[in-house]
Amino acid sequence: MKLKEFRELDREGLFQKEKELKKELYELNIKRQQGQVEKPARFKLLKRDIARILTLRRQLEVKDAAQSQS
C-alpha cells in the first residue's frame, strides 16, 4: 500500500491493517521454514508497510499530545 492510502485510514483502520499485515508476515515465516515461499520479496514489503503504520500511529499520538497541552 502507499502511504497516502494509510493516511486515509482512521486509528481503528490502522490498527486492523497492522494486525492483518503481521498475521500475513507470520504465515509467510511459517512457509519459509517449510521451504514453500513463492515471493521472498513480500517479506520486505510487509515489514515496510508495518513500519509505515507504526510511524503514522506515533505521529497521531504526538499530534494529540501537542493539542492536549495547548
C-alpha atoms as a PDB file:
ATOM      1  CA  MET A   1       0.000   0.000   0.000  1.00  0.00           C
ATOM      2  CA  LYS A   2       1.025   3.564  -0.489  1.00  0.00           C
ATOM      3  CA  LEU A   3       1.487   5.968   2.401  1.00  0.00           C
ATOM      4  CA  LYS A   4      -1.404   8.044   1.065  1.00  0.00           C
ATOM      5  CA  GLU A   5      -3.734   5.055   1.413  1.00  0.00           C
ATOM      6  CA  PHE A   6      -2.627   4.516   5.013  1.00  0.00           C
ATOM      7  CA  ARG A   7      -3.208   8.181   5.838  1.00  0.00           C
ATOM      8  CA  GLU A   8      -6.837   7.844   4.735  1.00  0.00           C
ATOM      9  CA  LEU A   9      -7.484   5.217   7.420  1.00  0.00           C
ATOM     10  CA  ASP A  10      -8.657   6.148  10.904  1.00  0.00           C
ATOM     11  CA  ARG A  11      -6.996   4.844  14.074  1.00  0.00           C
ATOM     12  CA  GLU A  12      -9.058   1.677  14.176  1.00  0.00           C
ATOM     13  CA  GLY A  13      -8.403   1.057  10.485  1.00  0.00           C
ATOM     14  CA  LEU A  14      -4.651   1.429  11.030  1.00  0.00           C
ATOM     15  CA  PHE A  15      -4.796  -0.983  13.948  1.00  0.00           C
ATOM     16  CA  GLN A  16      -6.739  -3.566  11.914  1.00  0.00           C
ATOM     17  CA  LYS A  17      -4.428  -3.223   8.906  1.00  0.00           C
ATOM     18  CA  GLU A  18      -1.380  -3.646  11.135  1.00  0.00           C
ATOM     19  CA  LYS A  19      -2.915  -6.773  12.623  1.00  0.00           C
ATOM     20  CA  GLU A  20      -3.610  -8.214   9.144  1.00  0.00           C
ATOM     21  CA  LEU A  21      -0.085  -7.489   7.912  1.00  0.00           C
ATOM     22  CA  LYS A  22       1.516  -9.032  10.998  1.00  0.00           C
ATOM     23  CA  LYS A  23      -0.606 -12.155  10.551  1.00  0.00           C
ATOM     24  CA  GLU A  24       0.431 -12.399   6.904  1.00  0.00           C
ATOM     25  CA  LEU A  25       4.085 -11.956   7.871  1.00  0.00           C
ATOM     26  CA  TYR A  26       3.732 -14.706  10.478  1.00  0.00           C
ATOM     27  CA  GLU A  27       2.221 -17.065   7.899  1.00  0.00           C
ATOM     28  CA  LEU A  28       4.997 -16.256   5.436  1.00  0.00           C
ATOM     29  CA  ASN A  29       7.586 -17.070   8.085  1.00  0.00           C
ATOM     30  CA  ILE A  30       5.968 -20.453   8.604  1.00  0.00           C
ATOM     31  CA  LYS A  31       6.074 -21.087   4.851  1.00  0.00           C
ATOM     32  CA  ARG A  32       9.735 -20.018   4.797  1.00  0.00           C
ATOM     33  CA  GLN A  33      10.561 -22.646   7.397  1.00  0.00           C
ATOM     34  CA  GLN A  34       8.791 -25.229   5.252  1.00  0.00           C
ATOM     35  CA  GLY A  35      10.550 -24.007   2.105  1.00  0.00           C
ATOM     36  CA  GLN A  36       7.349 -23.010   0.320  1.00  0.00           C
ATOM     37  CA  VAL A  37       7.785 -19.259  -0.165  1.00  0.00           C
ATOM     38  CA  GLU A  38       6.973 -18.191  -3.729  1.00  0.00           C
ATOM     39  CA  LYS A  39       7.721 -14.461  -3.398  1.00  0.00           C
ATOM     40  CA  PRO A  40      10.538 -13.783  -0.925  1.00  0.00           C
ATOM     41  CA  ALA A  41      10.374 -10.042  -1.698  1.00  0.00           C
ATOM     42  CA  ARG A  42       6.987  -9.985   0.040  1.00  0.00           C
ATOM     43  CA  PHE A  43       8.788 -10.065   3.425  1.00  0.00           C
ATOM     44  CA  LYS A  44      10.412  -6.714   2.749  1.00  0.00           C
ATOM     45  CA  LEU A  45       7.154  -5.145   1.573  1.00  0.00           C
ATOM     46  CA  LEU A  46       5.223  -6.371   4.594  1.00  0.00           C
ATOM     47  CA  LYS A  47       7.829  -5.123   7.040  1.00  0.00           C
ATOM     48  CA  ARG A  48       7.916  -1.756   5.291  1.00  0.00           C
ATOM     49  CA  ASP A  49       4.112  -1.405   5.416  1.00  0.00           C
ATOM     50  CA  ILE A  50       4.066  -2.321   9.113  1.00  0.00           C
ATOM     51  CA  ALA A  51       6.731   0.315   9.785  1.00  0.00           C
ATOM     52  CA  ARG A  52       4.673   2.911   7.893  1.00  0.00           C
ATOM     53  CA  ILE A  53       1.632   2.133  10.004  1.00  0.00           C
ATOM     54  CA  LEU A  54       3.610   2.337  13.244  1.00  0.00           C
ATOM     55  CA  THR A  55       5.058   5.679  12.157  1.00  0.00           C
ATOM     56  CA  LEU A  56       1.614   7.078  11.373  1.00  0.00           C
ATOM     57  CA  ARG A  57       0.242   5.864  14.701  1.00  0.00           C
ATOM     58  CA  ARG A  58       3.118   7.547  16.525  1.00  0.00           C
ATOM     59  CA  GLN A  59       2.586  10.785  14.597  1.00  0.00           C
ATOM     60  CA  LEU A  60      -1.066  10.766  15.631  1.00  0.00           C
ATOM     61  CA  GLU A  61      -0.091  10.232  19.271  1.00  0.00           C
ATOM     62  CA  VAL A  62       2.360  13.139  19.186  1.00  0.00           C
ATOM     63  CA  LYS A  63      -0.200  15.352  17.461  1.00  0.00           C
ATOM     64  CA  ASP A  64      -2.839  14.540  20.092  1.00  0.00           C
ATOM     65  CA  ALA A  65      -0.394  15.160  22.922  1.00  0.00           C
ATOM     66  CA  ALA A  66       0.542  18.557  21.483  1.00  0.00           C
ATOM     67  CA  GLN A  67      -3.107  19.524  21.106  1.00  0.00           C
ATOM     68  CA  SER A  68      -3.964  18.491  24.642  1.00  0.00           C
ATOM     69  CA  GLN A  69      -1.136  20.634  26.035  1.00  0.00           C
ATOM     70  CA  SER A  70      -2.315  23.712  24.149  1.00  0.00           C
END
